[in-house]
Amino acid sequence: MTREELNQLCDALTKRMANDGCLIEMGWVALRRLAVPPNAPDLQVNEMRMAFMAGAQHLFTSILSVLDPGEEPTDADLRRLDLIHKELETFRKEMELRVSKAKGSA
């Protein structure tokens, strides 16, 4: 499978999960698979899921509260979303490095 085909598959799955109301849960499952040892104790897994879901809930309600009133996004709305995107991209790159280092040392 090419990288482009994989991206298309991931995009389709993401849309399906969003339509089915389980997009955030899918994100947790993906993170768990990437970053949580398979033999992690239930307490650790449960606490990590709570932290993940709390972060998702915080981000979503924060986005809703900072958007300007009206149906159309304003320039300020787009700027705020872009800044959130940049912040999350920085984290994604950090996580990617951690995961690749952990796999390299295994």
N, C-alpha and C. Protein backbone atom coordinates (compact mmCIF):
# COMPACT_ATOMS: atom_id res chain seq x y z
N MET A 1 0.84 -1.17 0.00
CA MET A 1 0.00 0.00 0.00
C MET A 1 0.89 1.24 0.00
N THR A 2 0.59 2.17 -0.87
CA THR A 2 1.37 3.40 -0.93
C THR A 2 0.98 4.33 0.21
N ARG A 3 1.82 5.31 0.45
CA ARG A 3 1.53 6.31 1.49
C ARG A 3 0.23 7.04 1.17
N GLU A 4 0.03 7.38 -0.09
CA GLU A 4 -1.20 8.07 -0.52
C GLU A 4 -2.43 7.21 -0.27
N GLU A 5 -2.34 5.93 -0.59
CA GLU A 5 -3.47 5.02 -0.34
C GLU A 5 -3.75 4.90 1.15
N LEU A 6 -2.70 4.84 1.95
CA LEU A 6 -2.87 4.77 3.40
C LEU A 6 -3.53 6.04 3.93
N ASN A 7 -3.10 7.19 3.43
CA ASN A 7 -3.71 8.46 3.83
C ASN A 7 -5.19 8.51 3.47
N GLN A 8 -5.52 8.03 2.27
CA GLN A 8 -6.92 8.00 1.85
C GLN A 8 -7.75 7.07 2.74
N LEU A 9 -7.19 5.93 3.06
CA LEU A 9 -7.87 4.99 3.95
C LEU A 9 -8.10 5.60 5.33
N CYS A 10 -7.07 6.25 5.86
CA CYS A 10 -7.18 6.90 7.17
C CYS A 10 -8.22 8.01 7.14
N ASP A 11 -8.24 8.80 6.07
CA ASP A 11 -9.23 9.87 5.95
C ASP A 11 -10.65 9.31 5.90
N ALA A 12 -10.83 8.24 5.14
CA ALA A 12 -12.16 7.61 5.05
C ALA A 12 -12.59 7.04 6.39
N LEU A 13 -11.67 6.39 7.09
CA LEU A 13 -11.98 5.84 8.41
C LEU A 13 -12.30 6.95 9.40
N THR A 14 -11.55 8.03 9.35
CA THR A 14 -11.80 9.16 10.24
C THR A 14 -13.19 9.73 10.00
N LYS A 15 -13.58 9.91 8.75
CA LYS A 15 -14.92 10.42 8.45
C LYS A 15 -15.99 9.45 8.94
N ARG A 16 -15.75 8.18 8.75
CA ARG A 16 -16.74 7.19 9.20
C ARG A 16 -16.88 7.23 10.71
N MET A 17 -15.76 7.28 11.43
CA MET A 17 -15.82 7.33 12.89
C MET A 17 -16.51 8.60 13.37
N ALA A 18 -16.25 9.72 12.70
CA ALA A 18 -16.92 10.98 13.06
C ALA A 18 -18.43 10.85 12.83
N ASN A 19 -18.81 10.27 11.71
CA ASN A 19 -20.23 10.07 11.41
C ASN A 19 -20.89 9.11 12.38
N ASP A 20 -20.13 8.16 12.91
CA ASP A 20 -20.66 7.17 13.85
C ASP A 20 -20.57 7.64 15.30
N GLY A 21 -19.99 8.82 15.53
CA GLY A 21 -19.90 9.36 16.88
C GLY A 21 -18.83 8.73 17.75
N CYS A 22 -17.76 8.25 17.13
CA CYS A 22 -16.70 7.64 17.95
C CYS A 22 -15.30 8.05 17.48
N LEU A 23 -15.18 9.26 16.96
CA LEU A 23 -13.90 9.76 16.47
C LEU A 23 -12.87 9.88 17.59
N ILE A 24 -13.28 10.41 18.72
CA ILE A 24 -12.33 10.63 19.81
C ILE A 24 -11.91 9.30 20.42
N GLU A 25 -12.86 8.39 20.55
CA GLU A 25 -12.52 7.05 21.05
C GLU A 25 -11.52 6.37 20.12
N MET A 26 -11.69 6.55 18.81
CA MET A 26 -10.74 5.98 17.85
C MET A 26 -9.35 6.58 18.07
N GLY A 27 -9.30 7.87 18.36
CA GLY A 27 -8.01 8.51 18.63
C GLY A 27 -7.35 7.90 19.85
N TRP A 28 -8.14 7.64 20.88
CA TRP A 28 -7.59 7.00 22.09
C TRP A 28 -7.06 5.61 21.76
N VAL A 29 -7.82 4.84 21.00
CA VAL A 29 -7.38 3.49 20.64
C VAL A 29 -6.06 3.54 19.88
N ALA A 30 -5.93 4.50 18.97
CA ALA A 30 -4.69 4.64 18.20
C ALA A 30 -3.53 5.03 19.12
N LEU A 31 -3.76 5.98 20.02
CA LEU A 31 -2.70 6.38 20.95
C LEU A 31 -2.30 5.22 21.85
N ARG A 32 -3.29 4.51 22.35
CA ARG A 32 -2.99 3.37 23.21
C ARG A 32 -2.10 2.36 22.50
N ARG A 33 -2.43 2.11 21.26
CA ARG A 33 -1.65 1.13 20.49
C ARG A 33 -0.22 1.62 20.26
N LEU A 34 -0.05 2.91 20.04
CA LEU A 34 1.27 3.47 19.76
C LEU A 34 2.11 3.69 21.00
N ALA A 35 1.47 4.11 22.10
CA ALA A 35 2.25 4.64 23.21
C ALA A 35 2.09 3.93 24.55
N VAL A 36 1.16 2.99 24.65
CA VAL A 36 0.94 2.32 25.92
C VAL A 36 1.42 0.88 25.80
N PRO A 37 2.29 0.46 26.70
CA PRO A 37 2.76 -0.92 26.62
C PRO A 37 1.58 -1.90 26.72
N PRO A 38 1.62 -2.99 25.96
CA PRO A 38 0.51 -3.94 25.96
C PRO A 38 0.24 -4.54 27.35
N ASN A 39 1.26 -4.60 28.17
CA ASN A 39 1.10 -5.19 29.51
C ASN A 39 0.87 -4.13 30.60
N ALA A 40 0.52 -2.92 30.19
CA ALA A 40 0.27 -1.84 31.17
C ALA A 40 -0.88 -2.24 32.09
N PRO A 41 -0.76 -1.92 33.36
CA PRO A 41 -1.86 -2.24 34.29
C PRO A 41 -3.13 -1.48 33.93
N ASP A 42 -4.27 -2.07 34.27
CA ASP A 42 -5.56 -1.45 33.96
C ASP A 42 -5.66 -0.04 34.52
N LEU A 43 -5.14 0.18 35.71
CA LEU A 43 -5.20 1.51 36.32
C LEU A 43 -4.49 2.54 35.44
N GLN A 44 -3.31 2.19 34.93
CA GLN A 44 -2.58 3.10 34.05
C GLN A 44 -3.37 3.38 32.77
N VAL A 45 -3.90 2.34 32.17
CA VAL A 45 -4.67 2.49 30.93
C VAL A 45 -5.90 3.38 31.17
N ASN A 46 -6.61 3.12 32.26
CA ASN A 46 -7.80 3.90 32.57
C ASN A 46 -7.47 5.36 32.84
N GLU A 47 -6.38 5.61 33.57
CA GLU A 47 -5.99 6.99 33.86
C GLU A 47 -5.52 7.70 32.59
N MET A 48 -4.82 7.00 31.72
CA MET A 48 -4.38 7.61 30.47
C MET A 48 -5.57 7.94 29.57
N ARG A 49 -6.56 7.05 29.55
CA ARG A 49 -7.76 7.32 28.75
C ARG A 49 -8.49 8.54 29.30
N MET A 50 -8.59 8.64 30.63
CA MET A 50 -9.23 9.80 31.23
C MET A 50 -8.50 11.09 30.84
N ALA A 51 -7.18 11.06 30.87
CA ALA A 51 -6.39 12.24 30.50
C ALA A 51 -6.60 12.58 29.03
N PHE A 52 -6.62 11.58 28.17
CA PHE A 52 -6.82 11.79 26.74
C PHE A 52 -8.19 12.41 26.49
N MET A 53 -9.21 11.83 27.08
CA MET A 53 -10.58 12.31 26.87
C MET A 53 -10.75 13.71 27.48
N ALA A 54 -10.13 13.96 28.62
CA ALA A 54 -10.21 15.29 29.23
C ALA A 54 -9.57 16.34 28.31
N GLY A 55 -8.46 15.98 27.70
CA GLY A 55 -7.82 16.89 26.76
C GLY A 55 -8.70 17.17 25.55
N ALA A 56 -9.33 16.13 25.03
CA ALA A 56 -10.23 16.30 23.89
C ALA A 56 -11.42 17.18 24.26
N GLN A 57 -11.98 16.93 25.44
CA GLN A 57 -13.13 17.71 25.90
C GLN A 57 -12.73 19.17 26.09
N HIS A 58 -11.57 19.39 26.68
CA HIS A 58 -11.07 20.76 26.88
C HIS A 58 -10.90 21.49 25.55
N LEU A 59 -10.27 20.83 24.60
CA LEU A 59 -10.03 21.46 23.31
C LEU A 59 -11.35 21.79 22.61
N PHE A 60 -12.26 20.85 22.59
CA PHE A 60 -13.53 21.06 21.88
C PHE A 60 -14.32 22.21 22.50
N THR A 61 -14.48 22.20 23.82
CA THR A 61 -15.26 23.28 24.44
C THR A 61 -14.53 24.62 24.34
N SER A 62 -13.21 24.59 24.35
CA SER A 62 -12.45 25.83 24.19
C SER A 62 -12.64 26.40 22.80
N ILE A 63 -12.60 25.56 21.79
CA ILE A 63 -12.82 26.03 20.42
C ILE A 63 -14.20 26.67 20.31
N LEU A 64 -15.20 25.98 20.84
CA LEU A 64 -16.56 26.53 20.75
C LEU A 64 -16.68 27.87 21.47
N SER A 65 -15.94 28.03 22.57
CA SER A 65 -16.07 29.28 23.33
C SER A 65 -15.28 30.44 22.74
N VAL A 66 -14.26 30.19 21.93
CA VAL A 66 -13.47 31.29 21.38
C VAL A 66 -13.91 31.72 19.98
N LEU A 67 -14.80 30.97 19.36
CA LEU A 67 -15.26 31.37 18.02
C LEU A 67 -16.15 32.60 18.13
N ASP A 68 -15.97 33.51 17.18
CA ASP A 68 -16.81 34.71 17.15
C ASP A 68 -18.24 34.31 16.77
N PRO A 69 -19.23 35.09 17.22
CA PRO A 69 -20.63 34.78 16.89
C PRO A 69 -20.87 34.85 15.38
N GLY A 70 -21.85 34.12 14.93
CA GLY A 70 -22.22 34.13 13.51
C GLY A 70 -21.97 32.78 12.87
N GLU A 71 -22.53 32.63 11.69
CA GLU A 71 -22.41 31.35 11.00
C GLU A 71 -21.12 31.21 10.21
N GLU A 72 -20.57 32.31 9.75
CA GLU A 72 -19.35 32.27 8.94
C GLU A 72 -18.13 32.49 9.82
N PRO A 73 -17.06 31.74 9.57
CA PRO A 73 -15.84 31.97 10.35
C PRO A 73 -15.23 33.33 10.03
N THR A 74 -14.73 33.99 11.05
CA THR A 74 -14.07 35.29 10.86
C THR A 74 -12.57 35.05 10.67
N ASP A 75 -11.87 36.10 10.28
CA ASP A 75 -10.41 35.99 10.17
C ASP A 75 -9.80 35.63 11.52
N ALA A 76 -10.36 36.18 12.58
CA ALA A 76 -9.85 35.86 13.92
C ALA A 76 -10.10 34.38 14.26
N ASP A 77 -11.26 33.85 13.87
CA ASP A 77 -11.54 32.43 14.09
C ASP A 77 -10.50 31.56 13.39
N LEU A 78 -10.23 31.90 12.14
CA LEU A 78 -9.27 31.12 11.35
C LEU A 78 -7.88 31.21 11.94
N ARG A 79 -7.51 32.39 12.43
CA ARG A 79 -6.20 32.56 13.07
C ARG A 79 -6.11 31.70 14.32
N ARG A 80 -7.15 31.73 15.15
CA ARG A 80 -7.15 30.91 16.36
C ARG A 80 -7.03 29.43 16.03
N LEU A 81 -7.79 28.98 15.04
CA LEU A 81 -7.72 27.56 14.65
C LEU A 81 -6.34 27.21 14.10
N ASP A 82 -5.75 28.13 13.35
CA ASP A 82 -4.41 27.89 12.83
C ASP A 82 -3.40 27.76 13.97
N LEU A 83 -3.54 28.61 14.99
CA LEU A 83 -2.63 28.53 16.13
C LEU A 83 -2.81 27.21 16.89
N ILE A 84 -4.05 26.76 17.04
CA ILE A 84 -4.30 25.46 17.67
C ILE A 84 -3.66 24.35 16.84
N HIS A 85 -3.83 24.44 15.53
CA HIS A 85 -3.23 23.44 14.64
C HIS A 85 -1.71 23.41 14.80
N LYS A 86 -1.08 24.57 14.83
CA LYS A 86 0.37 24.63 14.99
C LYS A 86 0.82 24.05 16.32
N GLU A 87 0.07 24.35 17.38
CA GLU A 87 0.40 23.82 18.69
C GLU A 87 0.32 22.29 18.69
N LEU A 88 -0.73 21.77 18.07
CA LEU A 88 -0.89 20.31 18.02
C LEU A 88 0.13 19.65 17.10
N GLU A 89 0.51 20.33 16.04
CA GLU A 89 1.55 19.78 15.15
C GLU A 89 2.89 19.68 15.87
N THR A 90 3.19 20.67 16.70
CA THR A 90 4.42 20.61 17.50
C THR A 90 4.39 19.39 18.41
N PHE A 91 3.25 19.16 19.06
CA PHE A 91 3.12 17.99 19.92
C PHE A 91 3.22 16.70 19.11
N ARG A 92 2.56 16.65 17.95
CA ARG A 92 2.59 15.44 17.12
C ARG A 92 4.02 15.08 16.74
N LYS A 93 4.80 16.07 16.39
CA LYS A 93 6.19 15.81 16.03
C LYS A 93 6.99 15.31 17.23
N GLU A 94 6.73 15.88 18.41
CA GLU A 94 7.39 15.42 19.63
C GLU A 94 7.02 13.97 19.92
N MET A 95 5.74 13.65 19.79
CA MET A 95 5.29 12.28 20.05
C MET A 95 5.89 11.31 19.02
N GLU A 96 5.95 11.73 17.78
CA GLU A 96 6.53 10.91 16.73
C GLU A 96 7.99 10.57 17.04
N LEU A 97 8.74 11.56 17.51
CA LEU A 97 10.13 11.32 17.89
C LEU A 97 10.24 10.35 19.06
N ARG A 98 9.40 10.51 20.06
CA ARG A 98 9.42 9.62 21.21
C ARG A 98 9.12 8.19 20.80
N VAL A 99 8.11 8.01 19.98
CA VAL A 99 7.72 6.67 19.55
C VAL A 99 8.82 6.04 18.72
N SER A 100 9.42 6.81 17.81
CA SER A 100 10.48 6.23 16.98
C SER A 100 11.72 5.90 17.80
N LYS A 101 12.03 6.73 18.81
CA LYS A 101 13.16 6.43 19.68
C LYS A 101 12.89 5.17 20.51
N ALA A 102 11.66 5.05 21.01
CA ALA A 102 11.30 3.87 21.82
C ALA A 102 11.36 2.61 20.98
N LYS A 103 10.94 2.68 19.74
CA LYS A 103 11.01 1.50 18.86
C LYS A 103 12.44 1.18 18.53
N GLY A 104 13.29 2.19 18.41
CA GLY A 104 14.70 1.97 18.10
C GLY A 104 15.47 1.34 19.24
N SER A 105 15.03 1.61 20.46
CA SER A 105 15.74 1.05 21.61
C SER A 105 15.20 -0.31 22.03
N ALA A 106 14.13 -0.74 21.42
CA ALA A 106 13.51 -2.02 21.79
C ALA A 106 14.24 -3.20 21.21
